[in-house]
Amino acid sequence: MPELQYSYDRYQPVIEKEFGVEYDMVHMNIAQFVALSMGADPYKVCCFQTHSVPLEGFLEKTGII
Protein backbone atom coordinates (compact mmCIF):
# COMPACT_ATOMS: atom_id res chain seq x y z
CA MET A 1 0.00 0.00 0.00
CA PRO A 2 1.89 3.08 -1.23
CA GLU A 3 0.08 5.57 1.01
CA LEU A 4 0.61 3.65 4.24
CA GLN A 5 3.49 5.85 5.41
CA TYR A 6 1.07 8.80 5.48
CA SER A 7 -1.21 7.00 7.90
CA TYR A 8 1.70 6.11 10.15
CA ASP A 9 3.05 9.65 9.99
CA ARG A 10 -0.27 11.39 10.59
CA TYR A 11 -1.49 9.12 13.36
CA GLN A 12 1.72 8.38 15.25
CA PRO A 13 1.06 11.26 17.70
CA VAL A 14 -2.50 10.03 18.24
CA ILE A 15 -1.34 6.46 18.86
CA GLU A 16 1.41 7.64 21.20
CA LYS A 17 -1.09 9.64 23.22
CA GLU A 18 -3.58 6.79 23.33
CA PHE A 19 -1.06 4.23 24.57
CA GLY A 20 1.28 6.53 26.50
CA VAL A 21 4.29 5.38 24.48
CA GLU A 22 6.77 7.33 22.37
CA TYR A 23 7.68 5.39 19.25
CA ASP A 24 10.28 7.71 17.68
CA MET A 25 9.81 6.25 14.19
CA VAL A 26 10.78 7.80 10.90
CA HIS A 27 8.17 7.57 8.15
CA MET A 28 8.93 8.40 4.55
CA ASN A 29 7.96 6.88 1.26
CA ILE A 30 10.45 5.10 -0.96
CA ALA A 31 10.71 8.02 -3.39
CA GLN A 32 11.69 10.36 -0.55
CA PHE A 33 14.21 7.86 0.76
CA VAL A 34 15.78 7.33 -2.67
CA ALA A 35 15.92 11.06 -3.40
CA LEU A 36 17.47 11.73 -0.01
CA SER A 37 20.06 9.00 -0.51
CA MET A 38 20.98 10.62 -3.83
CA GLY A 39 21.65 13.92 -2.10
CA ALA A 40 18.33 15.70 -2.62
CA ASP A 41 17.45 18.55 -0.31
CA PRO A 42 15.20 17.18 2.46
CA TYR A 43 12.92 20.21 2.34
CA LYS A 44 12.98 21.52 -1.23
CA VAL A 45 12.80 18.12 -2.93
CA CYS A 46 11.63 15.59 -0.33
CA CYS A 47 9.14 17.98 1.35
CA PHE A 48 9.95 16.74 4.85
CA GLN A 49 8.32 19.85 6.29
CA THR A 50 4.94 18.33 5.42
CA HIS A 51 5.40 15.40 7.81
CA SER A 52 3.51 15.35 11.09
CA VAL A 53 6.35 13.59 12.88
CA PRO A 54 9.48 15.77 12.78
CA LEU A 55 12.39 14.26 10.85
CA GLU A 56 15.10 16.63 12.07
CA GLY A 57 16.42 14.09 14.58
CA PHE A 58 16.84 11.53 11.81
CA LEU A 59 18.46 14.09 9.53
CA GLU A 60 20.88 15.15 12.28
CA LYS A 61 21.77 11.56 13.25
CA THR A 62 22.54 10.72 9.64
CA GLY A 63 24.58 13.90 9.14
CA ILE A 64 22.30 15.30 6.47
CA ILE A 65 21.70 18.54 8.36
Foldseek 3Di string as FASTA:
>chain_A
DQCVLQVCQVCQVVVCVVVVHRDPDDGAGPVLVVCVVVPHDCCPPVVQVPTNDHCVVVCVVVVVD
